[in-house]
C-alpha atoms as a PDB file:
ATOM      1  CA  MET A   1      54.918 160.595  99.627  1.00  0.00           C
ATOM      2  CA  ASP A   2      51.311 161.435 100.440  1.00  0.00           C
ATOM      3  CA  GLN A   3      52.312 164.848 101.884  1.00  0.00           C
ATOM      4  CA  PRO A   4      49.696 167.596 101.387  1.00  0.00           C
ATOM      5  CA  GLU A   5      52.484 169.755  99.561  1.00  0.00           C
ATOM      6  CA  LEU A   6      52.338 166.938  96.801  1.00  0.00           C
ATOM      7  CA  ALA A   7      48.694 166.852  96.336  1.00  0.00           C
ATOM      8  CA  GLU A   8      48.555 168.915  93.165  1.00  0.00           C
ATOM      9  CA  PHE A   9      51.839 167.371  92.007  1.00  0.00           C
ATOM     10  CA  TRP A  10      50.174 163.861  91.827  1.00  0.00           C
ATOM     11  CA  ARG A  11      47.076 165.099  90.346  1.00  0.00           C
ATOM     12  CA  LEU A  12      49.098 166.543  87.503  1.00  0.00           C
ATOM     13  CA  ALA A  13      51.034 163.083  87.278  1.00  0.00           C
ATOM     14  CA  ARG A  14      47.932 161.079  87.023  1.00  0.00           C
ATOM     15  CA  GLU A  15      46.321 163.479  84.614  1.00  0.00           C
ATOM     16  CA  THR A  16      49.499 163.168  82.339  1.00  0.00           C
ATOM     17  CA  ALA A  17      49.626 159.565  82.658  1.00  0.00           C
ATOM     18  CA  GLU A  18      45.844 158.930  82.027  1.00  0.00           C
ATOM     19  CA  GLY A  19      45.348 161.859  79.359  1.00  0.00           C
ATOM     20  CA  GLY A  20      47.118 160.562  76.633  1.00  0.00           C
ATOM     21  CA  GLY A  21      49.510 162.460  74.281  1.00  0.00           C
ATOM     22  CA  ARG A  22      52.098 163.745  76.767  1.00  0.00           C
ATOM     23  CA  SER A  23      55.198 162.255  78.756  1.00  0.00           C
ATOM     24  CA  ALA A  24      55.810 165.193  80.784  1.00  0.00           C
ATOM     25  CA  PHE A  25      54.131 167.841  82.975  1.00  0.00           C
ATOM     26  CA  SER A  26      54.731 171.137  84.322  1.00  0.00           C
ATOM     27  CA  PHE A  27      54.628 171.770  88.063  1.00  0.00           C
ATOM     28  CA  ARG A  28      54.881 175.311  89.956  1.00  0.00           C
ATOM     29  CA  VAL A  29      56.691 175.096  93.241  1.00  0.00           C
ATOM     30  CA  GLU A  30      55.184 177.853  95.169  1.00  0.00           C
ATOM     31  CA  ASP A  31      56.799 177.959  98.557  1.00  0.00           C
ATOM     32  CA  ALA A  32      59.848 176.427 100.776  1.00  0.00           C
ATOM     33  CA  SER A  33      57.949 173.396 102.108  1.00  0.00           C
ATOM     34  CA  THR A  34      56.895 172.086  98.786  1.00  0.00           C
ATOM     35  CA  ALA A  35      60.233 172.860  97.433  1.00  0.00           C
ATOM     36  CA  THR A  36      61.542 170.587 100.583  1.00  0.00           C
ATOM     37  CA  VAL A  37      59.428 167.587  99.736  1.00  0.00           C
ATOM     38  CA  LEU A  38      59.727 167.647  96.122  1.00  0.00           C
ATOM     39  CA  GLY A  39      63.672 167.760  96.532  1.00  0.00           C
ATOM     40  CA  GLU A  40      63.392 164.758  99.143  1.00  0.00           C
ATOM     41  CA  LEU A  41      61.383 162.908  96.255  1.00  0.00           C
ATOM     42  CA  LEU A  42      63.729 164.011  93.242  1.00  0.00           C
ATOM     43  CA  ARG A  43      67.006 163.517  95.292  1.00  0.00           C
ATOM     44  CA  LYS A  44      68.107 167.224  94.327  1.00  0.00           C
ATOM     45  CA  PRO A  45      67.662 170.929  95.464  1.00  0.00           C
ATOM     46  CA  ILE A  46      64.661 172.490  94.314  1.00  0.00           C
ATOM     47  CA  ALA A  47      64.371 176.344  94.109  1.00  0.00           C
ATOM     48  CA  HIS A  48      61.198 178.427  94.938  1.00  0.00           C
ATOM     49  CA  PRO A  49      59.158 179.864  93.457  1.00  0.00           C
ATOM     50  CA  ALA A  50      60.009 178.150  90.249  1.00  0.00           C
ATOM     51  CA  ARG A  51      58.198 176.101  87.648  1.00  0.00           C
ATOM     52  CA  ARG A  52      59.595 172.587  87.056  1.00  0.00           C
ATOM     53  CA  GLN A  53      59.248 170.324  84.031  1.00  0.00           C
ATOM     54  CA  ILE A  54      58.484 166.746  85.148  1.00  0.00           C
ATOM     55  CA  SER A  55      59.270 163.734  82.858  1.00  0.00           C
ATOM     56  CA  LEU A  56      57.084 160.711  83.777  1.00  0.00           C
ATOM     57  CA  ALA A  57      59.890 158.442  82.939  1.00  0.00           C
ATOM     58  CA  ARG A  58      62.375 160.560  85.039  1.00  0.00           C
ATOM     59  CA  LEU A  59      59.724 160.778  87.982  1.00  0.00           C
ATOM     60  CA  ASP A  60      59.177 156.839  87.886  1.00  0.00           C
ATOM     61  CA  GLU A  61      63.002 156.449  88.204  1.00  0.00           C
ATOM     62  CA  HIS A  62      63.299 158.551  91.175  1.00  0.00           C
ATOM     63  CA  ILE A  63      60.330 156.949  92.882  1.00  0.00           C
ATOM     64  CA  ARG A  64      61.842 153.594  92.219  1.00  0.00           C
ATOM     65  CA  ALA A  65      64.981 154.725  94.201  1.00  0.00           C
ATOM     66  CA  HIS A  66      62.617 154.963  97.005  1.00  0.00           C
ATOM     67  CA  GLY A  67      61.564 151.145  96.546  1.00  0.00           C
ATOM     68  CA  SER A  68      58.062 151.920  94.829  1.00  0.00           C
ATOM     69  CA  SER A  69      56.927 152.953  91.360  1.00  0.00           C
ATOM     70  CA  LEU A  70      54.981 155.900  89.869  1.00  0.00           C
ATOM     71  CA  PRO A  71      51.777 153.515  89.252  1.00  0.00           C
ATOM     72  CA  GLU A  72      51.938 152.167  92.902  1.00  0.00           C
ATOM     73  CA  VAL A  73      52.370 155.694  94.248  1.00  0.00           C
ATOM     74  CA  LEU A  74      49.411 157.142  92.440  1.00  0.00           C
ATOM     75  CA  GLU A  75      47.186 154.005  93.201  1.00  0.00           C
ATOM     76  CA  SER A  76      48.187 154.625  96.912  1.00  0.00           C
ATOM     77  CA  VAL A  77      47.518 158.354  96.881  1.00  0.00           C
ATOM     78  CA  HIS A  78      44.315 158.464  94.985  1.00  0.00           C
ATOM     79  CA  GLY A  79      42.960 155.013  96.080  1.00  0.00           C
ATOM     80  CA  LYS A  80      42.466 153.652  92.514  1.00  0.00           C
ATOM     81  CA  PRO A  81      44.905 152.175  89.903  1.00  0.00           C
ATOM     82  CA  LEU A  82      45.753 154.381  86.599  1.00  0.00           C
ATOM     83  CA  GLY A  83      43.342 153.807  83.719  1.00  0.00           C
ATOM     84  CA  MET A  84      42.834 154.864  79.948  1.00  0.00           C
ATOM     85  CA  SER A  85      41.104 153.930  77.154  1.00  0.00           C
ATOM     86  CA  THR A  86      42.681 151.906  74.473  1.00  0.00           C
ATOM     87  CA  GLU A  87      43.161 155.084  72.280  1.00  0.00           C
ATOM     88  CA  GLN A  88      44.528 157.180  74.875  1.00  0.00           C
ATOM     89  CA  GLU A  89      46.822 154.225  75.654  1.00  0.00           C
ATOM     90  CA  SER A  90      48.015 154.147  72.036  1.00  0.00           C
ATOM     91  CA  SER A  91      48.621 157.935  71.868  1.00  0.00           C
ATOM     92  CA  THR A  92      50.452 158.115  75.065  1.00  0.00           C
ATOM     93  CA  ALA A  93      52.642 155.022  74.367  1.00  0.00           C
ATOM     94  CA  ASP A  94      53.857 156.861  71.125  1.00  0.00           C
ATOM     95  CA  ALA A  95      54.567 159.861  73.191  1.00  0.00           C
ATOM     96  CA  VAL A  96      56.467 158.222  75.879  1.00  0.00           C
ATOM     97  CA  LEU A  97      58.595 156.324  73.255  1.00  0.00           C
ATOM     98  CA  ARG A  98      59.328 159.119  71.205  1.00  0.00           C
ATOM     99  CA  PHE A  99      60.202 161.200  74.405  1.00  0.00           C
ATOM    100  CA  ALA A 100      62.708 158.573  75.503  1.00  0.00           C
ATOM    101  CA  LEU A 101      64.433 158.305  72.229  1.00  0.00           C
ATOM    102  CA  ARG A 102      64.706 162.232  71.897  1.00  0.00           C
ATOM    103  CA  GLU A 103      66.106 162.589  75.582  1.00  0.00           C
ATOM    104  CA  HIS A 104      68.977 160.057  74.581  1.00  0.00           C
ATOM    105  CA  GLY A 105      69.499 161.423  71.074  1.00  0.00           C
ATOM    106  CA  LEU A 106      67.881 158.569  69.121  1.00  0.00           C
ATOM    107  CA  LEU A 107      64.826 159.524  67.916  1.00  0.00           C
ATOM    108  CA  HIS A 108      66.050 159.856  64.346  1.00  0.00           C
ATOM    109  CA  ALA A 109      67.869 156.762  64.363  1.00  0.00           C
ATOM    110  CA  PRO A 110      66.877 154.622  61.196  1.00  0.00           C
ATOM    111  CA  TRP A 111      65.154 151.892  63.354  1.00  0.00           C
ATOM    112  CA  ALA A 112      63.148 154.303  65.523  1.00  0.00           C
ATOM    113  CA  ALA A 113      59.829 154.701  63.911  1.00  0.00           C
ATOM    114  CA  GLU A 114      59.366 150.834  63.516  1.00  0.00           C
ATOM    115  CA  TRP A 115      60.717 150.300  66.920  1.00  0.00           C
ATOM    116  CA  ILE A 116      58.010 152.432  68.465  1.00  0.00           C
ATOM    117  CA  GLU A 117      55.280 151.068  66.369  1.00  0.00           C
ATOM    118  CA  HIS A 118      56.496 147.446  67.258  1.00  0.00           C
ATOM    119  CA  VAL A 119      56.804 148.293  71.187  1.00  0.00           C
ATOM    120  CA  ARG A 120      53.444 150.143  71.322  1.00  0.00           C
ATOM    121  CA  ARG A 121      51.560 147.160  69.547  1.00  0.00           C
ATOM    122  CA  TYR A 122      53.605 144.012  70.678  1.00  0.00           C
ATOM    123  CA  GLY A 123      55.638 145.061  73.424  1.00  0.00           C
ATOM    124  CA  LYS A 124      53.400 143.539  76.075  1.00  0.00           C
ATOM    125  CA  ILE A 125      54.368 146.398  78.492  1.00  0.00           C
ATOM    126  CA  PRO A 126      51.588 148.005  80.819  1.00  0.00           C
ATOM    127  CA  GLN A 127      51.102 151.511  80.213  1.00  0.00           C
ATOM    128  CA  PRO A 128      51.972 152.638  83.601  1.00  0.00           C
ATOM    129  CA  ALA A 129      55.321 150.622  83.309  1.00  0.00           C
ATOM    130  CA  LEU A 130      56.046 152.108  79.813  1.00  0.00           C
ATOM    131  CA  PRO A 131      57.853 155.280  80.729  1.00  0.00           C
ATOM    132  CA  MET A 132      60.293 153.841  83.102  1.00  0.00           C
ATOM    133  CA  ILE A 133      60.953 150.739  80.518  1.00  0.00           C
ATOM    134  CA  ALA A 134      61.287 153.196  77.609  1.00  0.00           C
ATOM    135  CA  ASN A 135      63.807 155.461  79.463  1.00  0.00           C
ATOM    136  CA  GLN A 136      65.986 152.415  80.390  1.00  0.00           C
ATOM    137  CA  ALA A 137      65.744 150.978  76.848  1.00  0.00           C
ATOM    138  CA  ALA A 138      66.698 154.310  75.229  1.00  0.00           C
ATOM    139  CA  ALA A 139      69.582 154.817  77.770  1.00  0.00           C
ATOM    140  CA  ILE A 140      71.060 151.446  77.141  1.00  0.00           C
ATOM    141  CA  LEU A 141      70.817 151.797  73.073  1.00  0.00           C
ATOM    142  CA  ALA A 142      72.582 154.986  73.214  1.00  0.00           C
ATOM    143  CA  GLN A 143      75.606 153.178  74.993  1.00  0.00           C
ATOM    144  CA  LEU A 144      75.728 150.477  72.516  1.00  0.00           C
ATOM    145  CA  SER A 145      77.666 150.903  69.150  1.00  0.00           C
ATOM    146  CA  PRO A 146      79.529 148.202  66.903  1.00  0.00           C
ATOM    147  CA  GLU A 147      82.317 150.706  66.631  1.00  0.00           C
ATOM    148  CA  PRO A 148      83.963 151.286  68.958  1.00  0.00           C
ATOM    149  CA  ARG A 149      82.696 148.512  70.968  1.00  0.00           C
ATOM    150  CA  ARG A 150      82.810 148.979  74.623  1.00  0.00           C
ATOM    151  CA  TRP A 151      82.591 145.422  76.112  1.00  0.00           C
ATOM    152  CA  THR A 152      79.967 145.058  78.981  1.00  0.00           C
ATOM    153  CA  THR A 153      77.619 142.644  80.432  1.00  0.00           C
ATOM    154  CA  ARG A 154      73.712 142.861  80.761  1.00  0.00           C
ATOM    155  CA  PHE A 155      73.760 142.957  84.525  1.00  0.00           C
ATOM    156  CA  ALA A 156      76.211 145.943  84.316  1.00  0.00           C
ATOM    157  CA  LEU A 157      73.753 147.640  82.200  1.00  0.00           C
ATOM    158  CA  ALA A 158      70.703 147.028  83.822  1.00  0.00           C
ATOM    159  CA  GLY A 159      70.848 144.308  86.580  1.00  0.00           C
ATOM    160  CA  ASN A 160      68.525 141.558  86.197  1.00  0.00           C
ATOM    161  CA  ASP A 161      66.217 143.576  83.907  1.00  0.00           C
ATOM    162  CA  LEU A 162      68.105 142.567  80.910  1.00  0.00           C
ATOM    163  CA  ASP A 163      67.596 138.668  81.344  1.00  0.00           C
ATOM    164  CA  ASP A 164      66.070 136.757  78.597  1.00  0.00           C
ATOM    165  CA  GLY A 165      62.049 136.934  78.792  1.00  0.00           C
ATOM    166  CA  ARG A 166      61.975 140.437  80.709  1.00  0.00           C
ATOM    167  CA  PRO A 167      60.128 143.372  79.065  1.00  0.00           C
ATOM    168  CA  LEU A 168      63.453 145.522  78.869  1.00  0.00           C
ATOM    169  CA  ALA A 169      65.431 142.613  77.282  1.00  0.00           C
ATOM    170  CA  ARG A 170      62.662 142.285  74.634  1.00  0.00           C
ATOM    171  CA  VAL A 171      62.457 145.814  73.439  1.00  0.00           C
ATOM    172  CA  VAL A 172      65.915 146.521  73.629  1.00  0.00           C
ATOM    173  CA  GLY A 173      66.948 143.211  71.721  1.00  0.00           C
ATOM    174  CA  LYS A 174      64.126 144.434  69.176  1.00  0.00           C
ATOM    175  CA  ALA A 175      66.032 147.878  68.535  1.00  0.00           C
ATOM    176  CA  LEU A 176      69.116 145.962  68.142  1.00  0.00           C
ATOM    177  CA  ARG A 177      67.763 143.512  65.577  1.00  0.00           C
ATOM    178  CA  LEU A 178      66.053 146.322  63.617  1.00  0.00           C
ATOM    179  CA  ALA A 179      69.573 147.935  63.497  1.00  0.00           C
ATOM    180  CA  GLY A 180      71.020 144.899  62.035  1.00  0.00           C
ATOM    181  CA  THR A 181      72.921 143.557  65.117  1.00  0.00           C
ATOM    182  CA  ASP A 182      72.436 141.991  68.523  1.00  0.00           C
ATOM    183  CA  PHE A 183      73.587 141.931  72.067  1.00  0.00           C
ATOM    184  CA  GLU A 184      76.801 140.055  71.515  1.00  0.00           C
ATOM    185  CA  ARG A 185      77.839 141.959  68.259  1.00  0.00           C
ATOM    186  CA  SER A 186      77.136 145.232  70.413  1.00  0.00           C
ATOM    187  CA  GLY A 187      79.624 144.132  72.944  1.00  0.00           C
ATOM    188  CA  VAL A 188      77.215 142.932  75.656  1.00  0.00           C
ATOM    189  CA  LEU A 189      77.730 139.642  76.998  1.00  0.00           C
ATOM    190  CA  PRO A 190      75.475 137.431  79.226  1.00  0.00           C
ATOM    191  CA  ASP A 191      78.014 137.638  82.154  1.00  0.00           C
ATOM    192  CA  ALA A 192      81.624 138.559  82.906  1.00  0.00           C
ATOM    193  CA  TYR A 193      82.897 134.959  83.796  1.00  0.00           C
ATOM    194  CA  SER A 194      81.203 132.384  81.465  1.00  0.00           C
ATOM    195  CA  GLY A 195      83.466 130.807  79.038  1.00  0.00           C
ATOM    196  CA  PRO A 196      86.978 132.388  80.061  1.00  0.00           C
ATOM    197  CA  VAL A 197      89.533 132.238  77.481  1.00  0.00           C
ATOM    198  CA  LEU A 198      92.738 130.199  77.595  1.00  0.00           C
ATOM    199  CA  THR A 199      95.759 132.042  76.622  1.00  0.00           C
ATOM    200  CA  SER A 200      99.510 131.767  77.100  1.00  0.00           C
ATOM    201  CA  ARG A 201      98.792 134.315  79.893  1.00  0.00           C
ATOM    202  CA  GLY A 202      96.308 131.900  81.630  1.00  0.00           C
ATOM    203  CA  TYR A 203      92.324 132.148  81.638  1.00  0.00           C
ATOM    204  CA  LEU A 204      90.936 135.502  80.933  1.00  0.00           C
ATOM    205  CA  THR A 205      87.446 136.890  81.561  1.00  0.00           C
ATOM    206  CA  LEU A 206      85.887 140.036  80.697  1.00  0.00           C
ATOM    207  CA  ASN A 207      87.564 141.992  83.821  1.00  0.00           C
ATOM    208  CA  ASP A 208      90.933 140.985  82.483  1.00  0.00           C
ATOM    209  CA  THR A 209      93.089 142.915  79.910  1.00  0.00           C
ATOM    210  CA  LEU A 210      95.336 140.945  77.161  1.00  0.00           C
ATOM    211  CA  ASP A 211      97.830 143.519  76.639  1.00  0.00           C
ATOM    212  CA  VAL A 212      99.513 142.189  73.620  1.00  0.00           C
ATOM    213  CA  PRO A 213      99.348 143.920  70.263  1.00  0.00           C
ATOM    214  CA  GLU A 214      99.751 140.448  68.257  1.00  0.00           C
ATOM    215  CA  ILE A 215      98.493 137.096  69.046  1.00  0.00           C
ATOM    216  CA  THR A 216      98.091 133.658  67.316  1.00  0.00           C
ATOM    217  CA  VAL A 217      94.746 131.945  67.936  1.00  0.00           C
ATOM    218  CA  VAL A 218      94.927 127.979  67.707  1.00  0.00           C
ATOM    219  CA  ARG A 219      92.275 125.083  68.469  1.00  0.00           C
ATOM    220  CA  SER A 220      94.481 122.813  70.538  1.00  0.00           C
ATOM    221  CA  PRO A 221      95.729 123.264  74.047  1.00  0.00           C
ATOM    222  CA  ARG A 222      98.295 120.902  73.068  1.00  0.00           C
ATOM    223  CA  LEU A 223     100.070 123.840  71.104  1.00  0.00           C
ATOM    224  CA  LEU A 224     100.131 125.734  74.322  1.00  0.00           C
ATOM    225  CA  GLU A 225     101.560 122.804  76.255  1.00  0.00           C
ATOM    226  CA  SER A 226     104.067 122.277  73.620  1.00  0.00           C
ATOM    227  CA  GLY A 227     105.504 125.637  73.615  1.00  0.00           C
ATOM    228  CA  VAL A 228     104.504 126.967  70.248  1.00  0.00           C
ATOM    229  CA  PRO A 229     106.310 130.523  70.408  1.00  0.00           C
ATOM    230  CA  GLY A 230     104.400 133.723  70.807  1.00  0.00           C
ATOM    231  CA  PRO A 231     101.331 134.838  72.851  1.00  0.00           C
ATOM    232  CA  LEU A 232      98.585 132.235  71.978  1.00  0.00           C
ATOM    233  CA  MET A 233      94.862 132.086  72.414  1.00  0.00           C
ATOM    234  CA  VAL A 234      93.122 128.777  72.538  1.00  0.00           C
ATOM    235  CA  LEU A 235      89.516 128.238  71.209  1.00  0.00           C
ATOM    236  CA  PRO A 236      88.696 124.717  71.426  1.00  0.00           C
ATOM    237  CA  ASP A 237      84.909 125.565  70.983  1.00  0.00           C
ATOM    238  CA  GLY A 238      85.042 128.165  68.302  1.00  0.00           C
ATOM    239  CA  LEU A 239      84.985 132.092  68.510  1.00  0.00           C
ATOM    240  CA  THR A 240      83.193 132.683  71.908  1.00  0.00           C
ATOM    241  CA  PRO A 241      82.055 135.974  73.131  1.00  0.00           C
ATOM    242  CA  GLN A 242      85.033 136.219  75.647  1.00  0.00           C
ATOM    243  CA  ALA A 243      87.161 135.792  72.754  1.00  0.00           C
ATOM    244  CA  LYS A 244      85.807 138.253  70.591  1.00  0.00           C
ATOM    245  CA  HIS A 245      86.205 140.738  73.323  1.00  0.00           C
ATOM    246  CA  HIS A 246      89.980 139.980  73.705  1.00  0.00           C
ATOM    247  CA  LEU A 247      90.796 139.957  70.184  1.00  0.00           C
ATOM    248  CA  ASP A 248      89.175 143.332  69.414  1.00  0.00           C
ATOM    249  CA  GLY A 249      92.069 145.513  68.165  1.00  0.00           C
ATOM    250  CA  LYS A 250      94.584 142.805  68.016  1.00  0.00           C
ATOM    251  CA  THR A 251      96.610 141.765  65.004  1.00  0.00           C
ATOM    252  CA  VAL A 252      95.575 138.185  64.732  1.00  0.00           C
ATOM    253  CA  LEU A 253      97.164 134.938  63.211  1.00  0.00           C
ATOM    254  CA  CYS A 254      94.978 132.043  62.903  1.00  0.00           C
ATOM    255  CA  HIS A 255      95.506 128.254  62.773  1.00  0.00           C
ATOM    256  CA  ASN A 256      92.898 125.275  63.357  1.00  0.00           C
ATOM    257  CA  ASP A 257      92.200 121.580  62.294  1.00  0.00           C
ATOM    258  CA  PHE A 258      91.890 120.968  58.691  1.00  0.00           C
ATOM    259  CA  THR A 259      88.262 119.801  59.457  1.00  0.00           C
ATOM    260  CA  PRO A 260      84.769 121.313  58.603  1.00  0.00           C
ATOM    261  CA  ASP A 261      84.626 122.990  62.145  1.00  0.00           C
ATOM    262  CA  GLY A 262      88.449 124.366  61.699  1.00  0.00           C
ATOM    263  CA  ILE A 263      87.685 125.989  58.501  1.00  0.00           C
ATOM    264  CA  ARG A 264      84.476 127.581  59.761  1.00  0.00           C
ATOM    265  CA  THR A 265      86.347 129.001  62.931  1.00  0.00           C
ATOM    266  CA  VAL A 266      89.103 130.392  60.936  1.00  0.00           C
ATOM    267  CA  ASN A 267      86.534 132.041  58.805  1.00  0.00           C
ATOM    268  CA  GLU A 268      84.801 133.642  61.797  1.00  0.00           C
ATOM    269  CA  VAL A 269      88.048 134.466  63.473  1.00  0.00           C
ATOM    270  CA  LEU A 270      89.243 136.115  60.369  1.00  0.00           C
ATOM    271  CA  ALA A 271      85.687 138.038  59.644  1.00  0.00           C
ATOM    272  CA  TRP A 272      85.874 139.242  63.170  1.00  0.00           C
ATOM    273  CA  THR A 273      89.455 140.502  63.279  1.00  0.00           C
ATOM    274  CA  GLY A 274      90.862 141.033  59.775  1.00  0.00           C
ATOM    275  CA  GLY A 275      93.329 138.567  60.899  1.00  0.00           C
ATOM    276  CA  THR A 276      95.643 136.457  58.548  1.00  0.00           C
ATOM    277  CA  PRO A 277      95.673 132.665  58.297  1.00  0.00           C
ATOM    278  CA  TRP A 278      98.546 130.882  59.381  1.00  0.00           C
ATOM    279  CA  ARG A 279      99.707 127.793  57.498  1.00  0.00           C
ATOM    280  CA  MET A 280      96.130 127.163  56.137  1.00  0.00           C
ATOM    281  CA  SER A 281      96.497 126.799  52.780  1.00  0.00           C
ATOM    282  CA  ALA A 282      95.494 124.095  50.210  1.00  0.00           C
ATOM    283  CA  ALA A 283      99.218 123.654  49.595  1.00  0.00           C
ATOM    284  CA  ASP A 284      99.745 123.432  53.854  1.00  0.00           C
ATOM    285  CA  TYR A 285      97.052 120.689  53.779  1.00  0.00           C
ATOM    286  CA  ARG A 286      98.716 118.814  51.032  1.00  0.00           C
ATOM    287  CA  GLU A 287     101.734 118.845  52.825  1.00  0.00           C
ATOM    288  CA  ALA A 288     100.317 118.070  56.130  1.00  0.00           C
ATOM    289  CA  VAL A 289      98.726 115.034  54.563  1.00  0.00           C
ATOM    290  CA  ALA A 290     101.792 113.853  52.971  1.00  0.00           C
ATOM    291  CA  THR A 291     103.839 114.196  56.012  1.00  0.00           C
ATOM    292  CA  SER A 292     101.572 112.422  58.223  1.00  0.00           C
ATOM    293  CA  ILE A 293     101.192 109.239  56.048  1.00  0.00           C
ATOM    294  CA  ALA A 294     104.971 109.273  55.630  1.00  0.00           C
ATOM    295  CA  ARG A 295     105.314 109.116  59.360  1.00  0.00           C
ATOM    296  CA  GLY A 296     102.617 106.300  59.589  1.00  0.00           C
ATOM    297  CA  VAL A 297     100.004 108.436  61.125  1.00  0.00           C
ATOM    298  CA  GLU A 298      96.430 107.113  60.596  1.00  0.00           C
ATOM    299  CA  LEU A 299      94.294 110.069  59.617  1.00  0.00           C
ATOM    300  CA  PRO A 300      90.543 109.997  59.983  1.00  0.00           C
ATOM    301  CA  THR A 301      88.262 110.101  57.150  1.00  0.00           C
ATOM    302  CA  LEU A 302      86.720 113.309  56.222  1.00  0.00           C
ATOM    303  CA  ASN A 303      82.843 112.716  56.227  1.00  0.00           C
ATOM    304  CA  SER A 304      81.459 116.057  55.035  1.00  0.00           C
ATOM    305  CA  ARG A 305      82.755 118.958  52.583  1.00  0.00           C
ATOM    306  CA  PRO A 306      83.984 122.021  54.771  1.00  0.00           C
ATOM    307  CA  GLU A 307      82.565 125.537  53.721  1.00  0.00           C
ATOM    308  CA  THR A 308      84.673 127.453  51.299  1.00  0.00           C
ATOM    309  CA  ALA A 309      87.887 129.049  53.056  1.00  0.00           C
ATOM    310  CA  SER A 310      87.740 132.893  52.618  1.00  0.00           C
ATOM    311  CA  TRP A 311      91.607 133.003  52.551  1.00  0.00           C
ATOM    312  CA  ASP A 312      91.988 130.218  49.941  1.00  0.00           C
ATOM    313  CA  PRO A 313      89.146 129.103  47.350  1.00  0.00           C
ATOM    314  CA  ASP A 314      90.790 125.805  46.598  1.00  0.00           C
ATOM    315  CA  LEU A 315      91.057 124.589  50.192  1.00  0.00           C
ATOM    316  CA  ALA A 316      87.616 123.213  50.435  1.00  0.00           C
ATOM    317  CA  GLU A 317      87.831 121.161  47.080  1.00  0.00           C
ATOM    318  CA  THR A 318      91.265 119.695  47.766  1.00  0.00           C
ATOM    319  CA  MET A 319      90.128 118.440  51.251  1.00  0.00           C
ATOM    320  CA  ALA A 320      86.863 117.073  49.821  1.00  0.00           C
ATOM    321  CA  THR A 321      89.019 115.290  47.141  1.00  0.00           C
ATOM    322  CA  THR A 322      91.431 114.058  49.472  1.00  0.00           C
ATOM    323  CA  GLY A 323      88.885 112.931  52.063  1.00  0.00           C
ATOM    324  CA  LEU A 324      91.303 112.920  55.062  1.00  0.00           C
ATOM    325  CA  VAL A 325      91.223 114.972  58.315  1.00  0.00           C
ATOM    326  CA  VAL A 326      94.443 116.587  59.886  1.00  0.00           C
ATOM    327  CA  THR A 327      94.235 118.105  63.169  1.00  0.00           C
ATOM    328  CA  GLU A 328      96.522 120.488  64.984  1.00  0.00           C
ATOM    329  CA  GLU A 329      97.833 117.499  67.181  1.00  0.00           C
ATOM    330  CA  HIS A 330      98.913 115.929  64.008  1.00  0.00           C
ATOM    331  CA  LEU A 331     100.846 118.753  62.927  1.00  0.00           C
ATOM    332  CA  LEU A 332     102.443 119.435  66.210  1.00  0.00           C
ATOM    333  CA  PRO A 333     105.998 118.649  65.177  1.00  0.00           C
ATOM    334  CA  SER A 334     105.877 120.996  62.094  1.00  0.00           C
ATOM    335  CA  LEU A 335     103.837 123.948  63.938  1.00  0.00           C
ATOM    336  CA  LEU A 336     106.761 123.689  66.612  1.00  0.00           C
END
């Protein structure tokens, strides 16, 4: 990358990076040889004579495709690392971050101004790396929205760069929090395979499709084993990220144990899906207790009061007063 045709190009790149306040520079392509070497760098045909507007963020992306980075190339070409004053760094960081957001249509997002200030002051990103990370972050954020959610993984969006603790993960995560959401609620899972969901169609991961319009969500695999009719999803560990993915857009019925965990899970499933509880009212609980006792079933003691059920404000009080746990296994005969 140290061809003589690019000497002025690299001088302008360094001047822009160190000068403060700008995130792009203009370069005049005078002849065929310059157009050729610049085209190889940017991986596209370059006309001549012509003037090109060069974004530092985009330039860094192209260089990284060749296995290096803009700061490394400038240090190699000029024999010294990038450097600038604290005031210049602050001004340049603002410009770089604003440019990245503008490029992806996010500059006027409600969270943008606070995010720019946070990344500049607390992002802990070296200035030479900022153009690339800012552009990556803005590109990812432009893809994420609560509705319609497009489920993906951190790796699919940015390889390992969105792993916890990495600079890109920090700045994207901060933008999501400022927007009132997070990775999971934006449809970004840690990976495609952890926590597969057990259904009547087998175990499903992010890469599988659950092509049914309606489904019943339960807690115990025994309901699946016993042949409860209809498509079932079994959530022994509550509403997992994979379950959220497969429940999006479905008409949902939900049943669970009459326990604090069971009530909490049904609340979460109904809030996520807008679904309907199935045989989970206070009257259903009283009937389940009476039926179980009549059958000689020893019901466990309820040791803590459940949270209020969103679908029946009397259920928590009825359970607390009765003081007994009823699980789906206890209810199998009646659910069948």
